[in-house]
N, C-alpha and C. Protein backbone atom coordinates (compact mmCIF):
# COMPACT_ATOMS: atom_id res chain seq x y z
N MET A 1 17.11 2.02 -18.15
CA MET A 1 15.66 1.97 -18.33
C MET A 1 15.05 0.86 -17.48
N ARG A 2 15.72 -0.30 -17.50
CA ARG A 2 15.19 -1.44 -16.76
C ARG A 2 15.19 -1.18 -15.25
N SER A 3 16.24 -0.48 -14.77
CA SER A 3 16.30 -0.21 -13.34
C SER A 3 15.20 0.77 -12.91
N ARG A 4 14.84 1.68 -13.80
CA ARG A 4 13.75 2.61 -13.48
C ARG A 4 12.42 1.87 -13.40
N LEU A 5 12.23 0.90 -14.28
CA LEU A 5 11.01 0.08 -14.22
C LEU A 5 10.99 -0.72 -12.93
N GLY A 6 12.13 -1.25 -12.55
CA GLY A 6 12.23 -2.01 -11.30
C GLY A 6 11.92 -1.13 -10.10
N GLN A 7 12.43 0.10 -10.12
CA GLN A 7 12.17 1.04 -9.03
C GLN A 7 10.69 1.41 -8.98
N ALA A 8 10.09 1.62 -10.15
CA ALA A 8 8.67 1.94 -10.20
C ALA A 8 7.84 0.76 -9.68
N GLY A 9 8.24 -0.45 -10.06
CA GLY A 9 7.54 -1.64 -9.58
C GLY A 9 7.64 -1.79 -8.07
N THR A 10 8.83 -1.53 -7.54
CA THR A 10 9.03 -1.59 -6.08
C THR A 10 8.20 -0.53 -5.38
N LEU A 11 8.17 0.66 -5.94
CA LEU A 11 7.37 1.74 -5.36
C LEU A 11 5.88 1.38 -5.38
N LEU A 12 5.41 0.81 -6.48
CA LEU A 12 4.02 0.41 -6.58
C LEU A 12 3.69 -0.67 -5.56
N ARG A 13 4.59 -1.65 -5.39
CA ARG A 13 4.39 -2.71 -4.38
C ARG A 13 4.25 -2.10 -2.98
N ARG A 14 5.17 -1.21 -2.66
CA ARG A 14 5.15 -0.60 -1.33
C ARG A 14 3.88 0.23 -1.11
N LEU A 15 3.49 0.95 -2.14
CA LEU A 15 2.28 1.76 -2.05
C LEU A 15 1.05 0.88 -1.84
N GLU A 16 0.95 -0.20 -2.62
CA GLU A 16 -0.18 -1.12 -2.46
C GLU A 16 -0.20 -1.73 -1.06
N ASP A 17 0.95 -2.19 -0.59
CA ASP A 17 1.03 -2.80 0.74
C ASP A 17 0.69 -1.79 1.83
N LEU A 18 1.19 -0.57 1.69
CA LEU A 18 0.91 0.47 2.68
C LEU A 18 -0.58 0.81 2.69
N LEU A 19 -1.17 1.00 1.51
CA LEU A 19 -2.61 1.30 1.43
C LEU A 19 -3.44 0.18 2.04
N LEU A 20 -3.09 -1.06 1.74
CA LEU A 20 -3.83 -2.18 2.32
C LEU A 20 -3.75 -2.17 3.84
N SER A 21 -2.56 -1.98 4.37
CA SER A 21 -2.38 -1.97 5.83
C SER A 21 -3.16 -0.84 6.49
N LEU A 22 -3.02 0.36 5.93
CA LEU A 22 -3.73 1.51 6.50
C LEU A 22 -5.24 1.35 6.41
N LEU A 23 -5.70 0.86 5.27
CA LEU A 23 -7.13 0.68 5.06
C LEU A 23 -7.71 -0.35 6.01
N LEU A 24 -7.04 -1.48 6.15
CA LEU A 24 -7.54 -2.52 7.04
C LEU A 24 -7.54 -2.05 8.49
N THR A 25 -6.48 -1.38 8.91
CA THR A 25 -6.41 -0.85 10.27
C THR A 25 -7.53 0.16 10.53
N THR A 26 -7.73 1.06 9.57
CA THR A 26 -8.78 2.07 9.70
C THR A 26 -10.16 1.42 9.77
N MET A 27 -10.37 0.41 8.92
CA MET A 27 -11.67 -0.27 8.93
C MET A 27 -11.93 -0.96 10.26
N ILE A 28 -10.93 -1.63 10.80
CA ILE A 28 -11.09 -2.32 12.08
C ILE A 28 -11.41 -1.32 13.18
N LEU A 29 -10.66 -0.22 13.22
CA LEU A 29 -10.89 0.79 14.25
C LEU A 29 -12.26 1.45 14.11
N LEU A 30 -12.65 1.78 12.89
CA LEU A 30 -13.93 2.44 12.66
C LEU A 30 -15.09 1.49 12.96
N ALA A 31 -15.01 0.26 12.51
CA ALA A 31 -16.08 -0.70 12.77
C ALA A 31 -16.20 -0.99 14.26
N THR A 32 -15.08 -1.15 14.94
CA THR A 32 -15.11 -1.38 16.39
C THR A 32 -15.70 -0.16 17.11
N GLY A 33 -15.29 1.01 16.68
CA GLY A 33 -15.84 2.24 17.28
C GLY A 33 -17.34 2.34 17.08
N GLN A 34 -17.81 2.02 15.87
CA GLN A 34 -19.25 2.06 15.59
C GLN A 34 -20.00 1.08 16.49
N ILE A 35 -19.46 -0.12 16.64
CA ILE A 35 -20.12 -1.13 17.49
C ILE A 35 -20.18 -0.66 18.94
N LEU A 36 -19.06 -0.14 19.45
CA LEU A 36 -19.03 0.34 20.83
C LEU A 36 -19.99 1.52 21.03
N LEU A 37 -19.98 2.45 20.09
CA LEU A 37 -20.88 3.60 20.20
C LEU A 37 -22.34 3.17 20.21
N ARG A 38 -22.70 2.23 19.36
CA ARG A 38 -24.09 1.77 19.29
C ARG A 38 -24.49 1.00 20.54
N ASN A 39 -23.62 0.11 20.99
CA ASN A 39 -23.98 -0.73 22.13
C ASN A 39 -23.90 -0.03 23.47
N LEU A 40 -22.96 0.89 23.62
CA LEU A 40 -22.78 1.53 24.92
C LEU A 40 -23.56 2.84 25.06
N TRP A 41 -23.66 3.61 23.98
CA TRP A 41 -24.28 4.91 24.07
C TRP A 41 -25.45 5.11 23.11
N ASP A 42 -25.84 4.08 22.41
CA ASP A 42 -26.96 4.14 21.47
C ASP A 42 -26.77 5.31 20.49
N TYR A 43 -25.55 5.40 19.96
CA TYR A 43 -25.16 6.48 19.07
C TYR A 43 -24.26 5.90 17.98
N SER A 44 -24.24 6.51 16.82
CA SER A 44 -23.28 6.09 15.79
C SER A 44 -22.90 7.30 14.95
N LEU A 45 -21.78 7.17 14.29
CA LEU A 45 -21.29 8.22 13.41
C LEU A 45 -22.03 8.11 12.09
N ALA A 46 -22.66 9.17 11.65
CA ALA A 46 -23.45 9.14 10.42
C ALA A 46 -22.60 8.78 9.20
N TRP A 47 -21.35 9.15 9.19
CA TRP A 47 -20.46 8.89 8.06
C TRP A 47 -19.76 7.54 8.16
N GLY A 48 -19.91 6.86 9.30
CA GLY A 48 -19.17 5.62 9.54
C GLY A 48 -19.51 4.49 8.59
N ASP A 49 -20.79 4.15 8.47
CA ASP A 49 -21.18 3.02 7.63
C ASP A 49 -20.95 3.26 6.14
N PRO A 50 -21.30 4.44 5.60
CA PRO A 50 -20.98 4.67 4.19
C PRO A 50 -19.46 4.63 3.92
N SER A 51 -18.69 5.13 4.86
CA SER A 51 -17.23 5.09 4.70
C SER A 51 -16.72 3.66 4.72
N LEU A 52 -17.26 2.85 5.60
CA LEU A 52 -16.86 1.44 5.66
C LEU A 52 -17.19 0.71 4.36
N ARG A 53 -18.34 1.03 3.77
CA ARG A 53 -18.70 0.39 2.49
C ARG A 53 -17.69 0.73 1.40
N LEU A 54 -17.29 1.99 1.33
CA LEU A 54 -16.27 2.38 0.34
C LEU A 54 -14.93 1.73 0.65
N MET A 55 -14.60 1.63 1.92
CA MET A 55 -13.33 1.00 2.29
C MET A 55 -13.32 -0.48 1.93
N VAL A 56 -14.46 -1.14 2.05
CA VAL A 56 -14.53 -2.55 1.64
C VAL A 56 -14.27 -2.67 0.14
N LEU A 57 -14.83 -1.78 -0.64
CA LEU A 57 -14.59 -1.78 -2.09
C LEU A 57 -13.09 -1.61 -2.37
N TRP A 58 -12.47 -0.64 -1.74
CA TRP A 58 -11.04 -0.40 -1.95
C TRP A 58 -10.21 -1.58 -1.47
N LEU A 59 -10.53 -2.11 -0.30
CA LEU A 59 -9.77 -3.24 0.25
C LEU A 59 -9.87 -4.45 -0.67
N THR A 60 -11.04 -4.70 -1.20
CA THR A 60 -11.25 -5.84 -2.08
C THR A 60 -10.42 -5.71 -3.35
N LEU A 61 -10.48 -4.57 -4.00
CA LEU A 61 -9.75 -4.41 -5.25
C LEU A 61 -8.24 -4.29 -5.03
N LEU A 62 -7.82 -3.62 -3.99
CA LEU A 62 -6.38 -3.59 -3.68
C LEU A 62 -5.87 -4.99 -3.35
N GLY A 63 -6.66 -5.75 -2.60
CA GLY A 63 -6.29 -7.13 -2.28
C GLY A 63 -6.20 -7.99 -3.53
N ALA A 64 -7.13 -7.79 -4.46
CA ALA A 64 -7.09 -8.55 -5.71
C ALA A 64 -5.86 -8.15 -6.54
N MET A 65 -5.50 -6.88 -6.52
CA MET A 65 -4.31 -6.43 -7.24
C MET A 65 -3.06 -7.09 -6.66
N VAL A 66 -2.97 -7.13 -5.33
CA VAL A 66 -1.82 -7.74 -4.68
C VAL A 66 -1.80 -9.25 -4.92
N ALA A 67 -2.95 -9.88 -4.85
CA ALA A 67 -3.02 -11.33 -5.10
C ALA A 67 -2.55 -11.65 -6.52
N THR A 68 -2.93 -10.83 -7.47
CA THR A 68 -2.48 -11.03 -8.85
C THR A 68 -0.98 -10.79 -8.95
N ARG A 69 -0.50 -9.78 -8.27
CA ARG A 69 0.94 -9.48 -8.26
C ARG A 69 1.74 -10.67 -7.74
N GLU A 70 1.22 -11.32 -6.73
CA GLU A 70 1.91 -12.45 -6.10
C GLU A 70 1.58 -13.79 -6.75
N HIS A 71 0.81 -13.77 -7.83
CA HIS A 71 0.36 -14.99 -8.51
C HIS A 71 -0.37 -15.91 -7.52
N ASN A 72 -1.19 -15.30 -6.70
CA ASN A 72 -1.89 -16.01 -5.64
C ASN A 72 -3.39 -15.76 -5.72
N HIS A 73 -3.87 -15.42 -6.91
CA HIS A 73 -5.27 -15.11 -7.10
C HIS A 73 -6.08 -16.39 -7.32
N ILE A 74 -7.37 -16.26 -7.20
CA ILE A 74 -8.26 -17.41 -7.41
C ILE A 74 -8.26 -17.74 -8.88
N ARG A 75 -8.09 -19.02 -9.18
CA ARG A 75 -8.17 -19.45 -10.57
C ARG A 75 -8.74 -20.86 -10.60
N ILE A 76 -9.43 -21.13 -11.64
CA ILE A 76 -9.97 -22.47 -11.83
C ILE A 76 -9.02 -23.19 -12.77
N ASP A 77 -8.24 -24.10 -12.22
CA ASP A 77 -7.21 -24.75 -13.02
C ASP A 77 -7.27 -26.26 -12.89
N LEU A 78 -8.45 -26.78 -12.79
CA LEU A 78 -8.61 -28.23 -12.65
C LEU A 78 -7.95 -28.98 -13.80
N LEU A 79 -8.15 -28.51 -15.01
CA LEU A 79 -7.60 -29.17 -16.19
C LEU A 79 -6.07 -29.16 -16.17
N SER A 80 -5.49 -28.02 -15.85
CA SER A 80 -4.03 -27.90 -15.92
C SER A 80 -3.32 -28.75 -14.87
N ARG A 81 -4.00 -29.12 -13.82
CA ARG A 81 -3.39 -29.97 -12.78
C ARG A 81 -3.14 -31.38 -13.28
N TYR A 82 -3.94 -31.82 -14.21
CA TYR A 82 -3.84 -33.20 -14.68
C TYR A 82 -3.15 -33.33 -16.02
N LEU A 83 -2.72 -32.23 -16.58
CA LEU A 83 -2.02 -32.25 -17.86
C LEU A 83 -0.51 -32.32 -17.63
N PRO A 84 0.21 -32.77 -18.64
CA PRO A 84 1.68 -32.69 -18.52
C PRO A 84 2.10 -31.24 -18.34
N GLU A 85 3.30 -31.04 -17.80
CA GLU A 85 3.75 -29.70 -17.42
C GLU A 85 3.67 -28.69 -18.57
N ARG A 86 4.14 -29.07 -19.73
CA ARG A 86 4.14 -28.15 -20.87
C ARG A 86 2.72 -27.77 -21.29
N ALA A 87 1.84 -28.75 -21.37
CA ALA A 87 0.45 -28.48 -21.74
C ALA A 87 -0.25 -27.67 -20.65
N GLY A 88 0.08 -27.95 -19.40
CA GLY A 88 -0.49 -27.20 -18.28
C GLY A 88 -0.13 -25.73 -18.34
N ARG A 89 1.12 -25.44 -18.75
CA ARG A 89 1.53 -24.04 -18.90
C ARG A 89 0.75 -23.35 -20.01
N ARG A 90 0.52 -24.08 -21.08
CA ARG A 90 -0.26 -23.50 -22.19
C ARG A 90 -1.69 -23.20 -21.76
N VAL A 91 -2.27 -24.13 -21.01
CA VAL A 91 -3.64 -23.91 -20.52
C VAL A 91 -3.68 -22.72 -19.59
N ARG A 92 -2.68 -22.59 -18.71
CA ARG A 92 -2.63 -21.44 -17.80
C ARG A 92 -2.49 -20.13 -18.57
N ARG A 93 -1.68 -20.14 -19.62
CA ARG A 93 -1.55 -18.94 -20.45
C ARG A 93 -2.88 -18.59 -21.11
N LEU A 94 -3.56 -19.61 -21.58
CA LEU A 94 -4.86 -19.39 -22.22
C LEU A 94 -5.88 -18.84 -21.23
N THR A 95 -5.93 -19.43 -20.04
CA THR A 95 -6.89 -18.94 -19.04
C THR A 95 -6.52 -17.54 -18.56
N ASP A 96 -5.21 -17.27 -18.45
CA ASP A 96 -4.78 -15.91 -18.10
C ASP A 96 -5.20 -14.93 -19.19
N GLY A 97 -5.05 -15.33 -20.44
CA GLY A 97 -5.45 -14.47 -21.55
C GLY A 97 -6.94 -14.17 -21.51
N PHE A 98 -7.74 -15.19 -21.22
CA PHE A 98 -9.18 -14.99 -21.10
C PHE A 98 -9.49 -14.05 -19.94
N THR A 99 -8.79 -14.24 -18.83
CA THR A 99 -9.01 -13.39 -17.65
C THR A 99 -8.60 -11.95 -17.95
N VAL A 100 -7.56 -11.76 -18.76
CA VAL A 100 -7.16 -10.42 -19.18
C VAL A 100 -8.32 -9.74 -19.90
N LEU A 101 -8.94 -10.46 -20.81
CA LEU A 101 -10.08 -9.89 -21.55
C LEU A 101 -11.23 -9.53 -20.62
N VAL A 102 -11.54 -10.42 -19.68
CA VAL A 102 -12.63 -10.15 -18.74
C VAL A 102 -12.31 -8.93 -17.88
N CYS A 103 -11.09 -8.88 -17.35
CA CYS A 103 -10.71 -7.74 -16.49
C CYS A 103 -10.65 -6.44 -17.27
N ALA A 104 -10.19 -6.50 -18.52
CA ALA A 104 -10.17 -5.29 -19.35
C ALA A 104 -11.59 -4.81 -19.62
N LEU A 105 -12.49 -5.74 -19.87
CA LEU A 105 -13.90 -5.39 -20.07
C LEU A 105 -14.49 -4.78 -18.80
N LEU A 106 -14.18 -5.38 -17.66
CA LEU A 106 -14.65 -4.83 -16.38
C LEU A 106 -14.07 -3.43 -16.14
N ALA A 107 -12.80 -3.23 -16.47
CA ALA A 107 -12.18 -1.91 -16.31
C ALA A 107 -12.88 -0.88 -17.19
N TRP A 108 -13.18 -1.27 -18.42
CA TRP A 108 -13.86 -0.37 -19.35
C TRP A 108 -15.23 0.05 -18.83
N HIS A 109 -16.01 -0.94 -18.40
CA HIS A 109 -17.36 -0.62 -17.93
C HIS A 109 -17.34 0.08 -16.57
N ALA A 110 -16.36 -0.23 -15.75
CA ALA A 110 -16.22 0.49 -14.48
C ALA A 110 -15.87 1.96 -14.75
N ALA A 111 -15.04 2.20 -15.75
CA ALA A 111 -14.71 3.58 -16.12
C ALA A 111 -15.95 4.30 -16.64
N ARG A 112 -16.77 3.62 -17.42
CA ARG A 112 -18.01 4.22 -17.89
C ARG A 112 -18.93 4.54 -16.72
N PHE A 113 -18.99 3.63 -15.73
CA PHE A 113 -19.81 3.86 -14.54
C PHE A 113 -19.32 5.08 -13.76
N VAL A 114 -18.02 5.18 -13.57
CA VAL A 114 -17.45 6.32 -12.84
C VAL A 114 -17.73 7.62 -13.59
N LEU A 115 -17.61 7.59 -14.91
CA LEU A 115 -17.92 8.76 -15.73
C LEU A 115 -19.39 9.16 -15.56
N PHE A 116 -20.27 8.16 -15.52
CA PHE A 116 -21.69 8.43 -15.30
C PHE A 116 -21.91 9.09 -13.94
N GLU A 117 -21.26 8.57 -12.91
CA GLU A 117 -21.38 9.15 -11.56
C GLU A 117 -20.87 10.59 -11.55
N TYR A 118 -19.82 10.84 -12.33
CA TYR A 118 -19.29 12.20 -12.44
C TYR A 118 -20.32 13.12 -13.10
N GLU A 119 -20.88 12.65 -14.22
CA GLU A 119 -21.84 13.47 -14.97
C GLU A 119 -23.11 13.73 -14.18
N VAL A 120 -23.57 12.73 -13.43
CA VAL A 120 -24.79 12.88 -12.64
C VAL A 120 -24.54 13.76 -11.41
N GLY A 121 -23.30 13.77 -10.94
CA GLY A 121 -22.96 14.59 -9.79
C GLY A 121 -23.28 13.93 -8.46
N SER A 122 -23.19 12.60 -8.41
CA SER A 122 -23.44 11.89 -7.15
C SER A 122 -22.48 12.37 -6.07
N ARG A 123 -22.99 12.43 -4.85
CA ARG A 123 -22.22 12.96 -3.74
C ARG A 123 -22.02 11.89 -2.68
N PHE A 124 -20.89 11.96 -2.00
CA PHE A 124 -20.60 11.10 -0.85
C PHE A 124 -20.89 11.91 0.40
N LEU A 125 -21.82 11.44 1.20
CA LEU A 125 -22.24 12.11 2.43
C LEU A 125 -22.74 13.53 2.17
N ASP A 126 -23.26 13.76 0.99
CA ASP A 126 -23.76 15.07 0.57
C ASP A 126 -22.70 16.16 0.63
N LEU A 127 -21.44 15.78 0.71
CA LEU A 127 -20.36 16.76 0.83
C LEU A 127 -19.39 16.74 -0.34
N LEU A 128 -18.98 15.54 -0.72
CA LEU A 128 -17.91 15.38 -1.71
C LEU A 128 -18.42 14.64 -2.93
N PRO A 129 -17.83 14.90 -4.08
CA PRO A 129 -18.21 14.10 -5.26
C PRO A 129 -17.83 12.64 -5.01
N LEU A 130 -18.67 11.73 -5.47
CA LEU A 130 -18.47 10.30 -5.23
C LEU A 130 -17.47 9.68 -6.18
N TRP A 131 -17.39 10.19 -7.40
CA TRP A 131 -16.60 9.52 -8.43
C TRP A 131 -15.12 9.30 -8.09
N PRO A 132 -14.42 10.20 -7.38
CA PRO A 132 -13.01 9.90 -7.08
C PRO A 132 -12.84 8.67 -6.19
N PHE A 133 -13.82 8.43 -5.32
CA PHE A 133 -13.76 7.27 -4.44
C PHE A 133 -14.01 5.97 -5.21
N GLN A 134 -14.63 6.08 -6.37
CA GLN A 134 -14.94 4.91 -7.18
C GLN A 134 -13.88 4.61 -8.23
N LEU A 135 -12.89 5.45 -8.34
CA LEU A 135 -11.83 5.25 -9.34
C LEU A 135 -11.06 3.96 -9.13
N ILE A 136 -11.12 3.40 -7.93
CA ILE A 136 -10.42 2.14 -7.67
C ILE A 136 -10.95 1.02 -8.56
N MET A 137 -12.21 1.11 -8.98
CA MET A 137 -12.77 0.03 -9.81
C MET A 137 -12.09 -0.06 -11.18
N PRO A 138 -12.11 0.99 -12.00
CA PRO A 138 -11.41 0.84 -13.28
C PRO A 138 -9.90 0.69 -13.11
N LEU A 139 -9.33 1.40 -12.15
CA LEU A 139 -7.89 1.29 -11.92
C LEU A 139 -7.50 -0.12 -11.49
N GLY A 140 -8.24 -0.67 -10.54
CA GLY A 140 -7.93 -2.02 -10.04
C GLY A 140 -8.03 -3.07 -11.12
N PHE A 141 -9.12 -3.05 -11.88
CA PHE A 141 -9.28 -4.06 -12.93
C PHE A 141 -8.26 -3.86 -14.04
N ALA A 142 -7.88 -2.63 -14.33
CA ALA A 142 -6.86 -2.39 -15.35
C ALA A 142 -5.50 -2.92 -14.90
N VAL A 143 -5.15 -2.69 -13.64
CA VAL A 143 -3.88 -3.20 -13.11
C VAL A 143 -3.88 -4.73 -13.12
N ILE A 144 -4.98 -5.33 -12.72
CA ILE A 144 -5.07 -6.79 -12.74
C ILE A 144 -4.91 -7.32 -14.15
N ALA A 145 -5.60 -6.70 -15.10
CA ALA A 145 -5.50 -7.12 -16.50
C ALA A 145 -4.07 -6.98 -17.01
N LEU A 146 -3.43 -5.87 -16.69
CA LEU A 146 -2.05 -5.64 -17.14
C LEU A 146 -1.10 -6.67 -16.55
N ARG A 147 -1.23 -6.94 -15.27
CA ARG A 147 -0.35 -7.92 -14.62
C ARG A 147 -0.56 -9.31 -15.21
N LEU A 148 -1.81 -9.68 -15.44
CA LEU A 148 -2.07 -11.00 -16.03
C LEU A 148 -1.59 -11.07 -17.47
N LEU A 149 -1.70 -9.97 -18.20
CA LEU A 149 -1.20 -9.95 -19.57
C LEU A 149 0.31 -10.16 -19.59
N ILE A 150 1.02 -9.44 -18.74
CA ILE A 150 2.48 -9.59 -18.66
C ILE A 150 2.83 -11.02 -18.25
N SER A 151 2.11 -11.54 -17.26
CA SER A 151 2.35 -12.90 -16.80
C SER A 151 2.07 -13.92 -17.90
N SER A 152 0.99 -13.72 -18.63
CA SER A 152 0.62 -14.64 -19.69
C SER A 152 1.64 -14.62 -20.83
N LEU A 153 2.10 -13.42 -21.18
CA LEU A 153 3.06 -13.30 -22.28
C LEU A 153 4.45 -13.82 -21.89
N SER A 154 4.81 -13.63 -20.64
CA SER A 154 6.14 -14.08 -20.21
C SER A 154 6.13 -15.56 -19.86
N GLY A 155 4.95 -16.10 -19.59
CA GLY A 155 4.86 -17.51 -19.23
C GLY A 155 5.27 -17.79 -17.81
N TYR A 156 5.54 -16.73 -17.02
CA TYR A 156 5.98 -16.93 -15.64
C TYR A 156 4.82 -17.35 -14.77
N ARG A 157 5.06 -18.31 -13.98
CA ARG A 157 4.12 -18.76 -12.95
C ARG A 157 4.93 -19.29 -11.80
N ARG A 158 4.53 -19.00 -10.62
CA ARG A 158 5.20 -19.56 -9.48
C ARG A 158 5.10 -21.08 -9.58
N GLY A 159 6.20 -21.73 -9.49
CA GLY A 159 6.21 -23.18 -9.58
C GLY A 159 6.50 -23.69 -10.98
N ASP A 160 6.48 -22.82 -11.99
CA ASP A 160 6.79 -23.27 -13.35
C ASP A 160 8.28 -23.41 -13.56
N GLY A 161 9.04 -22.69 -12.73
CA GLY A 161 10.49 -22.77 -12.84
C GLY A 161 10.95 -22.21 -14.10
């Protein structure tokens, strides 16, 4: 059972890293293409800018998921830096627990937002339903909350030994 979880975790890591790489490469190429088209031929792709906006959303949340996975996310830990090691760990667990609640709340409301977009029938480029492209919001915040919950319960932190 444990090895299957390890394999699933490895697969998820690879998928996240692959998506981030592909997304960033695509964004760079598309943005560069848009700039060249506008400056050289006074033309742009109508789908380019809306696609870039969605890609920024995906890149941001995938990046946050990876940062949380690597225990390299932004945190305000001024207090824990000046406390003894044991108390600092407790404070980090407490702040992680609070962050879990915030991310879970964000995941819940993001899911409600995506459901609303589904019900309203919002379209991307007047061609495709918008809601599948927005699923990264509840999914991303849920993954972040889950990772922080596991980290908080296990007490693991890089540098805690």
